[in-house]
């Protein structure tokens, strides 16, 4: 497994964690009314940013040969 492939797996795992934690915190906010809205929203934004990064990984790594 190449380093780039491992990096993709690691980022995908981080997306699943951040997305799951965001859903969990937003659910906690809806049931308890606690201050979990900010934390859930922050982790949701992090998950979205990681999805963007994973989609455009070749551009971030400087691979100009592939589109």
PDB file of N, CA and C in Angstrom:
ATOM      1  N   UNK A   1       0.856  -1.171   0.000  1.00  0.00           N
ATOM      2  CA  UNK A   1       0.000   0.000   0.000  1.00  0.00           C
ATOM      3  C   UNK A   1       0.900   1.231   0.000  1.00  0.00           C
ATOM      4  N   UNK A   2       0.644   2.129  -0.921  1.00  0.00           N
ATOM      5  CA  UNK A   2       1.464   3.337  -1.002  1.00  0.00           C
ATOM      6  C   UNK A   2       1.077   4.321   0.097  1.00  0.00           C
ATOM      7  N   UNK A   3       1.906   5.290   0.282  1.00  0.00           N
ATOM      8  CA  UNK A   3       1.665   6.298   1.305  1.00  0.00           C
ATOM      9  C   UNK A   3       0.429   7.132   0.989  1.00  0.00           C
ATOM     10  N   UNK A   4       0.205   7.413  -0.293  1.00  0.00           N
ATOM     11  CA  UNK A   4      -0.982   8.187  -0.689  1.00  0.00           C
ATOM     12  C   UNK A   4      -2.248   7.384  -0.434  1.00  0.00           C
ATOM     13  N   UNK A   5      -2.219   6.089  -0.720  1.00  0.00           N
ATOM     14  CA  UNK A   5      -3.383   5.237  -0.451  1.00  0.00           C
ATOM     15  C   UNK A   5      -3.688   5.181   1.040  1.00  0.00           C
ATOM     16  N   UNK A   6      -2.638   5.029   1.846  1.00  0.00           N
ATOM     17  CA  UNK A   6      -2.836   5.029   3.292  1.00  0.00           C
ATOM     18  C   UNK A   6      -3.404   6.366   3.764  1.00  0.00           C
ATOM     19  N   UNK A   7      -2.942   7.445   3.177  1.00  0.00           N
ATOM     20  CA  UNK A   7      -3.437   8.771   3.531  1.00  0.00           C
ATOM     21  C   UNK A   7      -4.929   8.895   3.202  1.00  0.00           C
ATOM     22  N   UNK A   8      -5.337   8.346   2.070  1.00  0.00           N
ATOM     23  CA  UNK A   8      -6.752   8.365   1.698  1.00  0.00           C
ATOM     24  C   UNK A   8      -7.600   7.586   2.698  1.00  0.00           C
ATOM     25  N   UNK A   9      -7.112   6.436   3.127  1.00  0.00           N
ATOM     26  CA  UNK A   9      -7.830   5.638   4.121  1.00  0.00           C
ATOM     27  C   UNK A   9      -7.913   6.399   5.443  1.00  0.00           C
ATOM     28  N   UNK A  10      -6.831   7.028   5.826  1.00  0.00           N
ATOM     29  CA  UNK A  10      -6.809   7.790   7.072  1.00  0.00           C
ATOM     30  C   UNK A  10      -7.784   8.971   7.022  1.00  0.00           C
ATOM     31  N   UNK A  11      -7.827   9.679   5.904  1.00  0.00           N
ATOM     32  CA  UNK A  11      -8.744  10.805   5.763  1.00  0.00           C
ATOM     33  C   UNK A  11     -10.188  10.315   5.744  1.00  0.00           C
ATOM     34  N   UNK A  12     -10.441   9.197   5.072  1.00  0.00           N
ATOM     35  CA  UNK A  12     -11.802   8.636   5.053  1.00  0.00           C
ATOM     36  C   UNK A  12     -12.249   8.242   6.458  1.00  0.00           C
ATOM     37  N   UNK A  13     -11.342   7.704   7.246  1.00  0.00           N
ATOM     38  CA  UNK A  13     -11.658   7.363   8.634  1.00  0.00           C
ATOM     39  C   UNK A  13     -11.963   8.622   9.444  1.00  0.00           C
ATOM     40  N   UNK A  14     -11.201   9.668   9.218  1.00  0.00           N
ATOM     41  CA  UNK A  14     -11.440  10.931   9.919  1.00  0.00           C
ATOM     42  C   UNK A  14     -12.786  11.523   9.517  1.00  0.00           C
ATOM     43  N   UNK A  15     -13.176  11.384   8.247  1.00  0.00           N
ATOM     44  CA  UNK A  15     -14.482  11.877   7.792  1.00  0.00           C
ATOM     45  C   UNK A  15     -15.599  11.139   8.516  1.00  0.00           C
ATOM     46  N   UNK A  16     -15.476   9.814   8.595  1.00  0.00           N
ATOM     47  CA  UNK A  16     -16.499   9.022   9.283  1.00  0.00           C
ATOM     48  C   UNK A  16     -16.588   9.402  10.759  1.00  0.00           C
ATOM     49  N   UNK A  17     -15.441   9.580  11.403  1.00  0.00           N
ATOM     50  CA  UNK A  17     -15.445   9.958  12.809  1.00  0.00           C
ATOM     51  C   UNK A  17     -16.083  11.330  13.012  1.00  0.00           C
ATOM     52  N   UNK A  18     -15.646  12.318  12.237  1.00  0.00           N
ATOM     53  CA  UNK A  18     -16.153  13.679  12.409  1.00  0.00           C
ATOM     54  C   UNK A  18     -17.643  13.759  12.087  1.00  0.00           C
ATOM     55  N   UNK A  19     -18.054  13.078  11.013  1.00  0.00           N
ATOM     56  CA  UNK A  19     -19.474  13.073  10.665  1.00  0.00           C
ATOM     57  C   UNK A  19     -20.319  12.388  11.718  1.00  0.00           C
ATOM     58  N   UNK A  20     -19.853  11.252  12.198  1.00  0.00           N
ATOM     59  CA  UNK A  20     -20.580  10.544  13.247  1.00  0.00           C
ATOM     60  C   UNK A  20     -20.658  11.329  14.545  1.00  0.00           C
ATOM     61  N   UNK A  21     -19.554  11.955  14.907  1.00  0.00           N
ATOM     62  CA  UNK A  21     -19.552  12.750  16.135  1.00  0.00           C
ATOM     63  C   UNK A  21     -20.446  13.977  16.003  1.00  0.00           C
ATOM     64  N   UNK A  22     -20.475  14.566  14.802  1.00  0.00           N
ATOM     65  CA  UNK A  22     -21.350  15.716  14.576  1.00  0.00           C
ATOM     66  C   UNK A  22     -22.811  15.312  14.728  1.00  0.00           C
ATOM     67  N   UNK A  23     -23.182  14.174  14.143  1.00  0.00           N
ATOM     68  CA  UNK A  23     -24.565  13.694  14.264  1.00  0.00           C
ATOM     69  C   UNK A  23     -24.892  13.392  15.718  1.00  0.00           C
ATOM     70  N   UNK A  24     -23.966  12.781  16.423  1.00  0.00           N
ATOM     71  CA  UNK A  24     -24.189  12.453  17.825  1.00  0.00           C
ATOM     72  C   UNK A  24     -24.397  13.724  18.662  1.00  0.00           C
ATOM     73  N   UNK A  25     -23.550  14.715  18.458  1.00  0.00           N
ATOM     74  CA  UNK A  25     -23.663  15.958  19.220  1.00  0.00           C
ATOM     75  C   UNK A  25     -24.934  16.744  18.854  1.00  0.00           C
ATOM     76  N   UNK A  26     -25.299  16.753  17.575  1.00  0.00           N
ATOM     77  CA  UNK A  26     -26.530  17.437  17.181  1.00  0.00           C
ATOM     78  C   UNK A  26     -27.751  16.725  17.737  1.00  0.00           C
ATOM     79  N   UNK A  27     -27.713  15.399  17.795  1.00  0.00           N
ATOM     80  CA  UNK A  27     -28.803  14.651  18.419  1.00  0.00           C
ATOM     81  C   UNK A  27     -28.871  14.956  19.913  1.00  0.00           C
ATOM     82  N   UNK A  28     -27.723  15.058  20.538  1.00  0.00           N
ATOM     83  CA  UNK A  28     -27.677  15.407  21.964  1.00  0.00           C
ATOM     84  C   UNK A  28     -28.248  16.805  22.193  1.00  0.00           C
ATOM     85  N   UNK A  29     -27.968  17.717  21.282  1.00  0.00           N
ATOM     86  CA  UNK A  29     -28.521  19.068  21.386  1.00  0.00           C
ATOM     87  C   UNK A  29     -30.045  19.036  21.275  1.00  0.00           C
ATOM     88  N   UNK A  30     -30.563  18.233  20.362  1.00  0.00           N
ATOM     89  CA  UNK A  30     -32.013  18.168  20.167  1.00  0.00           C
ATOM     90  C   UNK A  30     -32.726  17.510  21.338  1.00  0.00           C
ATOM     91  N   UNK A  31     -32.086  16.561  22.007  1.00  0.00           N
ATOM     92  CA  UNK A  31     -32.737  15.872  23.123  1.00  0.00           C
ATOM     93  C   UNK A  31     -32.531  16.595  24.447  1.00  0.00           C
ATOM     94  N   UNK A  32     -31.341  17.108  24.688  1.00  0.00           N
ATOM     95  CA  UNK A  32     -31.039  17.712  25.989  1.00  0.00           C
ATOM     96  C   UNK A  32     -31.085  19.232  25.977  1.00  0.00           C
ATOM     97  N   UNK A  33     -30.922  19.820  24.808  1.00  0.00           N
ATOM     98  CA  UNK A  33     -30.867  21.276  24.747  1.00  0.00           C
ATOM     99  C   UNK A  33     -29.569  21.837  25.309  1.00  0.00           C
ATOM    100  N   UNK A  34     -28.555  20.995  25.377  1.00  0.00           N
ATOM    101  CA  UNK A  34     -27.286  21.443  25.946  1.00  0.00           C
ATOM    102  C   UNK A  34     -26.516  22.269  24.924  1.00  0.00           C
ATOM    103  N   UNK A  35     -25.311  22.628  25.265  1.00  0.00           N
ATOM    104  CA  UNK A  35     -24.501  23.452  24.390  1.00  0.00           C
ATOM    105  C   UNK A  35     -23.763  22.663  23.323  1.00  0.00           C
ATOM    106  N   UNK A  36     -24.318  21.567  22.878  1.00  0.00           N
ATOM    107  CA  UNK A  36     -23.655  20.709  21.908  1.00  0.00           C
ATOM    108  C   UNK A  36     -23.818  21.176  20.470  1.00  0.00           C
ATOM    109  N   UNK A  37     -24.608  22.197  20.256  1.00  0.00           N
ATOM    110  CA  UNK A  37     -24.840  22.675  18.896  1.00  0.00           C
ATOM    111  C   UNK A  37     -23.546  23.189  18.272  1.00  0.00           C
ATOM    112  N   UNK A  38     -22.774  23.938  19.012  1.00  0.00           N
ATOM    113  CA  UNK A  38     -21.518  24.482  18.498  1.00  0.00           C
ATOM    114  C   UNK A  38     -20.522  23.371  18.176  1.00  0.00           C
ATOM    115  N   UNK A  39     -20.399  22.411  19.060  1.00  0.00           N
ATOM    116  CA  UNK A  39     -19.468  21.305  18.843  1.00  0.00           C
ATOM    117  C   UNK A  39     -19.905  20.445  17.654  1.00  0.00           C
ATOM    118  N   UNK A  40     -21.193  20.154  17.563  1.00  0.00           N
ATOM    119  CA  UNK A  40     -21.693  19.379  16.432  1.00  0.00           C
ATOM    120  C   UNK A  40     -21.517  20.108  15.117  1.00  0.00           C
ATOM    121  N   UNK A  41     -21.779  21.398  15.116  1.00  0.00           N
ATOM    122  CA  UNK A  41     -21.583  22.186  13.905  1.00  0.00           C
ATOM    123  C   UNK A  41     -20.123  22.268  13.494  1.00  0.00           C
ATOM    124  N   UNK A  42     -19.244  22.410  14.464  1.00  0.00           N
ATOM    125  CA  UNK A  42     -17.806  22.484  14.165  1.00  0.00           C
ATOM    126  C   UNK A  42     -17.311  21.179  13.552  1.00  0.00           C
ATOM    127  N   UNK A  43     -17.707  20.049  14.123  1.00  0.00           N
ATOM    128  CA  UNK A  43     -17.274  18.771  13.576  1.00  0.00           C
ATOM    129  C   UNK A  43     -17.938  18.478  12.237  1.00  0.00           C
ATOM    130  N   UNK A  44     -19.140  18.981  12.014  1.00  0.00           N
ATOM    131  CA  UNK A  44     -19.762  18.864  10.701  1.00  0.00           C
ATOM    132  C   UNK A  44     -18.986  19.633   9.653  1.00  0.00           C
ATOM    133  N   UNK A  45     -18.545  20.837   9.997  1.00  0.00           N
ATOM    134  CA  UNK A  45     -17.741  21.624   9.061  1.00  0.00           C
ATOM    135  C   UNK A  45     -16.380  20.974   8.800  1.00  0.00           C
ATOM    136  N   UNK A  46     -15.797  20.395   9.822  1.00  0.00           N
ATOM    137  CA  UNK A  46     -14.527  19.692   9.639  1.00  0.00           C
ATOM    138  C   UNK A  46     -14.714  18.504   8.703  1.00  0.00           C
ATOM    139  N   UNK A  47     -15.805  17.766   8.858  1.00  0.00           N
ATOM    140  CA  UNK A  47     -16.080  16.631   7.973  1.00  0.00           C
ATOM    141  C   UNK A  47     -16.240  17.091   6.531  1.00  0.00           C
ATOM    142  N   UNK A  48     -16.938  18.198   6.325  1.00  0.00           N
ATOM    143  CA  UNK A  48     -17.115  18.736   4.971  1.00  0.00           C
ATOM    144  C   UNK A  48     -15.779  19.168   4.385  1.00  0.00           C
ATOM    145  N   UNK A  49     -14.948  19.803   5.193  1.00  0.00           N
ATOM    146  CA  UNK A  49     -13.624  20.226   4.725  1.00  0.00           C
ATOM    147  C   UNK A  49     -12.758  19.016   4.362  1.00  0.00           C
ATOM    148  N   UNK A  50     -12.854  17.950   5.128  1.00  0.00           N
ATOM    149  CA  UNK A  50     -12.083  16.746   4.829  1.00  0.00           C
ATOM    150  C   UNK A  50     -12.577  16.057   3.560  1.00  0.00           C
ATOM    151  N   UNK A  51     -13.882  16.094   3.322  1.00  0.00           N
ATOM    152  CA  UNK A  51     -14.412  15.547   2.067  1.00  0.00           C
ATOM    153  C   UNK A  51     -13.866  16.338   0.890  1.00  0.00           C
ATOM    154  N   UNK A  52     -13.861  17.657   0.994  1.00  0.00           N
ATOM    155  CA  UNK A  52     -13.302  18.502  -0.063  1.00  0.00           C
ATOM    156  C   UNK A  52     -11.827  18.167  -0.285  1.00  0.00           C
ATOM    157  N   UNK A  53     -11.092  18.010   0.804  1.00  0.00           N
ATOM    158  CA  UNK A  53      -9.666  17.680   0.712  1.00  0.00           C
ATOM    159  C   UNK A  53      -9.458  16.327   0.038  1.00  0.00           C
ATOM    160  N   UNK A  54     -10.264  15.335   0.401  1.00  0.00           N
ATOM    161  CA  UNK A  54     -10.114  14.007  -0.185  1.00  0.00           C
ATOM    162  C   UNK A  54     -10.437  14.012  -1.674  1.00  0.00           C
ATOM    163  N   UNK A  55     -11.456  14.759  -2.073  1.00  0.00           N
ATOM    164  CA  UNK A  55     -11.821  14.839  -3.486  1.00  0.00           C
ATOM    165  C   UNK A  55     -10.709  15.504  -4.291  1.00  0.00           C
ATOM    166  N   UNK A  56     -10.097  16.527  -3.746  1.00  0.00           N
ATOM    167  CA  UNK A  56      -9.078  17.301  -4.454  1.00  0.00           C
ATOM    168  C   UNK A  56      -7.664  16.972  -3.978  1.00  0.00           C
ATOM    169  N   UNK A  57      -7.441  15.753  -3.528  1.00  0.00           N
ATOM    170  CA  UNK A  57      -6.150  15.382  -2.944  1.00  0.00           C
ATOM    171  C   UNK A  57      -5.005  15.498  -3.942  1.00  0.00           C
ATOM    172  N   UNK A  58      -5.237  15.112  -5.177  1.00  0.00           N
ATOM    173  CA  UNK A  58      -4.161  15.191  -6.169  1.00  0.00           C
ATOM    174  C   UNK A  58      -3.704  16.630  -6.382  1.00  0.00           C
ATOM    175  N   UNK A  59      -4.643  17.550  -6.350  1.00  0.00           N
ATOM    176  CA  UNK A  59      -4.270  18.953  -6.525  1.00  0.00           C
ATOM    177  C   UNK A  59      -3.464  19.440  -5.322  1.00  0.00           C
ATOM    178  N   UNK A  60      -3.852  19.013  -4.123  1.00  0.00           N
ATOM    179  CA  UNK A  60      -3.118  19.422  -2.923  1.00  0.00           C
ATOM    180  C   UNK A  60      -1.721  18.817  -2.889  1.00  0.00           C
ATOM    181  N   UNK A  61      -1.563  17.628  -3.455  1.00  0.00           N
ATOM    182  CA  UNK A  61      -0.252  16.979  -3.473  1.00  0.00           C
ATOM    183  C   UNK A  61       0.618  17.465  -4.614  1.00  0.00           C
ATOM    184  N   UNK A  62       0.064  18.242  -5.518  1.00  0.00           N
ATOM    185  CA  UNK A  62       0.843  18.816  -6.598  1.00  0.00           C
ATOM    186  C   UNK A  62       0.936  17.941  -7.831  1.00  0.00           C
ATOM    187  N   UNK A  63       0.048  16.979  -7.983  1.00  0.00           N
ATOM    188  CA  UNK A  63       0.042  16.112  -9.159  1.00  0.00           C
ATOM    189  C   UNK A  63      -0.680  16.833 -10.304  1.00  0.00           C
ATOM    190  N   UNK A  64       0.072  17.393 -11.218  1.00  0.00           N
ATOM    191  CA  UNK A  64      -0.498  18.169 -12.306  1.00  0.00           C
ATOM    192  C   UNK A  64      -0.850  17.295 -13.506  1.00  0.00           C
ATOM    193  N   UNK A  65      -0.431  16.035 -13.536  1.00  0.00           N
ATOM    194  CA  UNK A  65      -0.677  15.174 -14.681  1.00  0.00           C
ATOM    195  C   UNK A  65      -2.084  14.629 -14.721  1.00  0.00           C
ATOM    196  N   UNK A  66      -2.720  14.463 -13.551  1.00  0.00           N
ATOM    197  CA  UNK A  66      -4.071  13.911 -13.506  1.00  0.00           C
ATOM    198  C   UNK A  66      -5.070  15.009 -13.247  1.00  0.00           C
ATOM    199  N   UNK A  67      -6.269  14.848 -13.773  1.00  0.00           N
ATOM    200  CA  UNK A  67      -7.312  15.849 -13.605  1.00  0.00           C
ATOM    201  C   UNK A  67      -8.120  15.550 -12.466  1.00  0.00           C
TER     202      UNK A  67
END
